[in-house]
């Protein structure tokens, strides 16, 4: 008998593991893009680039770099 997909059963462990995996992939690839962009322009990497909402914007060079990394990350996984 062939295996069947259990679409009628709610599996909280599967849902939780998928959420954790997607968050890990997203923030891991964003960190790689930030490190690559910072390395190309010889800027100092900071966790504020990833988690601080005030740094995001086009008015400052670090904000532009962070915005570029966010866009590249979105294009990578789209």
C-alpha atoms as a PDB file:
ATOM      1  CA  UNK A   1       0.000   0.000   0.000  1.00  0.00           C
ATOM      2  CA  UNK A   2       1.406   3.384  -0.999  1.00  0.00           C
ATOM      3  CA  UNK A   3       1.894   6.102   1.577  1.00  0.00           C
ATOM      4  CA  UNK A   4      -0.771   8.738   1.803  1.00  0.00           C
ATOM      5  CA  UNK A   5      -0.521  12.389   2.706  1.00  0.00           C
ATOM      6  CA  UNK A   6      -2.447  13.044   5.913  1.00  0.00           C
ATOM      7  CA  UNK A   7      -4.217  16.258   4.899  1.00  0.00           C
ATOM      8  CA  UNK A   8      -7.111  15.587   7.265  1.00  0.00           C
ATOM      9  CA  UNK A   9      -4.931  15.449  10.395  1.00  0.00           C
ATOM     10  CA  UNK A  10      -3.716  18.597  12.135  1.00  0.00           C
ATOM     11  CA  UNK A  11      -0.033  18.090  12.952  1.00  0.00           C
ATOM     12  CA  UNK A  12       1.264  20.853  15.250  1.00  0.00           C
ATOM     13  CA  UNK A  13       4.819  19.484  15.270  1.00  0.00           C
ATOM     14  CA  UNK A  14       4.979  19.665  11.467  1.00  0.00           C
ATOM     15  CA  UNK A  15       3.604  23.209  11.427  1.00  0.00           C
ATOM     16  CA  UNK A  16       6.009  24.370  14.135  1.00  0.00           C
ATOM     17  CA  UNK A  17       9.016  22.794  12.440  1.00  0.00           C
ATOM     18  CA  UNK A  18       8.078  24.436   9.125  1.00  0.00           C
ATOM     19  CA  UNK A  19       7.813  27.837  10.807  1.00  0.00           C
ATOM     20  CA  UNK A  20      11.194  27.427  12.491  1.00  0.00           C
ATOM     21  CA  UNK A  21      12.804  26.243   9.260  1.00  0.00           C
ATOM     22  CA  UNK A  22      11.441  29.156   7.217  1.00  0.00           C
ATOM     23  CA  UNK A  23      12.584  31.708   9.804  1.00  0.00           C
ATOM     24  CA  UNK A  24      16.029  30.103   9.955  1.00  0.00           C
ATOM     25  CA  UNK A  25      16.400  30.127   6.176  1.00  0.00           C
ATOM     26  CA  UNK A  26      15.166  33.733   5.910  1.00  0.00           C
ATOM     27  CA  UNK A  27      17.395  35.228   8.599  1.00  0.00           C
ATOM     28  CA  UNK A  28      20.367  33.066   7.625  1.00  0.00           C
ATOM     29  CA  UNK A  29      20.252  34.190   4.011  1.00  0.00           C
ATOM     30  CA  UNK A  30      19.642  37.803   5.076  1.00  0.00           C
ATOM     31  CA  UNK A  31      22.745  37.605   7.260  1.00  0.00           C
ATOM     32  CA  UNK A  32      24.750  36.263   4.338  1.00  0.00           C
ATOM     33  CA  UNK A  33      23.530  39.072   2.062  1.00  0.00           C
ATOM     34  CA  UNK A  34      24.324  41.678   4.717  1.00  0.00           C
ATOM     35  CA  UNK A  35      27.816  40.244   5.196  1.00  0.00           C
ATOM     36  CA  UNK A  36      28.413  40.155   1.440  1.00  0.00           C
ATOM     37  CA  UNK A  37      27.203  43.714   0.855  1.00  0.00           C
ATOM     38  CA  UNK A  38      29.128  45.007   3.883  1.00  0.00           C
ATOM     39  CA  UNK A  39      32.238  43.222   2.649  1.00  0.00           C
ATOM     40  CA  UNK A  40      31.944  44.710  -0.815  1.00  0.00           C
ATOM     41  CA  UNK A  41      31.736  48.285   0.453  1.00  0.00           C
ATOM     42  CA  UNK A  42      34.008  47.704   3.459  1.00  0.00           C
ATOM     43  CA  UNK A  43      31.397  48.668   6.007  1.00  0.00           C
ATOM     44  CA  UNK A  44      31.323  47.334   9.564  1.00  0.00           C
ATOM     45  CA  UNK A  45      28.642  44.671  10.049  1.00  0.00           C
ATOM     46  CA  UNK A  46      26.131  45.139  12.838  1.00  0.00           C
ATOM     47  CA  UNK A  47      23.069  43.324  14.107  1.00  0.00           C
ATOM     48  CA  UNK A  48      21.268  46.666  14.031  1.00  0.00           C
ATOM     49  CA  UNK A  49      21.209  46.352  10.242  1.00  0.00           C
ATOM     50  CA  UNK A  50      18.968  43.313  10.601  1.00  0.00           C
ATOM     51  CA  UNK A  51      16.814  44.081  13.623  1.00  0.00           C
ATOM     52  CA  UNK A  52      16.623  47.880  14.022  1.00  0.00           C
ATOM     53  CA  UNK A  53      13.756  49.479  12.116  1.00  0.00           C
ATOM     54  CA  UNK A  54      15.232  52.982  12.403  1.00  0.00           C
ATOM     55  CA  UNK A  55      18.273  52.129  10.269  1.00  0.00           C
ATOM     56  CA  UNK A  56      16.117  51.076   7.321  1.00  0.00           C
ATOM     57  CA  UNK A  57      15.756  53.944   4.894  1.00  0.00           C
ATOM     58  CA  UNK A  58      17.416  55.620   1.981  1.00  0.00           C
ATOM     59  CA  UNK A  59      18.624  58.725   3.822  1.00  0.00           C
ATOM     60  CA  UNK A  60      21.842  57.162   5.202  1.00  0.00           C
ATOM     61  CA  UNK A  61      24.432  54.896   3.553  1.00  0.00           C
ATOM     62  CA  UNK A  62      23.977  52.076   6.120  1.00  0.00           C
ATOM     63  CA  UNK A  63      20.235  52.283   5.528  1.00  0.00           C
ATOM     64  CA  UNK A  64      20.741  51.954   1.792  1.00  0.00           C
ATOM     65  CA  UNK A  65      22.986  48.918   2.291  1.00  0.00           C
ATOM     66  CA  UNK A  66      20.450  47.273   4.589  1.00  0.00           C
ATOM     67  CA  UNK A  67      17.624  48.000   2.180  1.00  0.00           C
ATOM     68  CA  UNK A  68      19.680  46.544  -0.688  1.00  0.00           C
ATOM     69  CA  UNK A  69      20.278  43.374   1.331  1.00  0.00           C
ATOM     70  CA  UNK A  70      16.583  43.022   2.162  1.00  0.00           C
ATOM     71  CA  UNK A  71      15.653  43.395  -1.516  1.00  0.00           C
ATOM     72  CA  UNK A  72      18.312  40.901  -2.623  1.00  0.00           C
ATOM     73  CA  UNK A  73      17.091  38.447   0.011  1.00  0.00           C
ATOM     74  CA  UNK A  74      13.505  38.799  -1.172  1.00  0.00           C
ATOM     75  CA  UNK A  75      14.570  38.278  -4.792  1.00  0.00           C
ATOM     76  CA  UNK A  76      16.635  35.229  -3.824  1.00  0.00           C
ATOM     77  CA  UNK A  77      13.673  33.395  -2.318  1.00  0.00           C
ATOM     78  CA  UNK A  78      10.926  34.573  -4.672  1.00  0.00           C
END
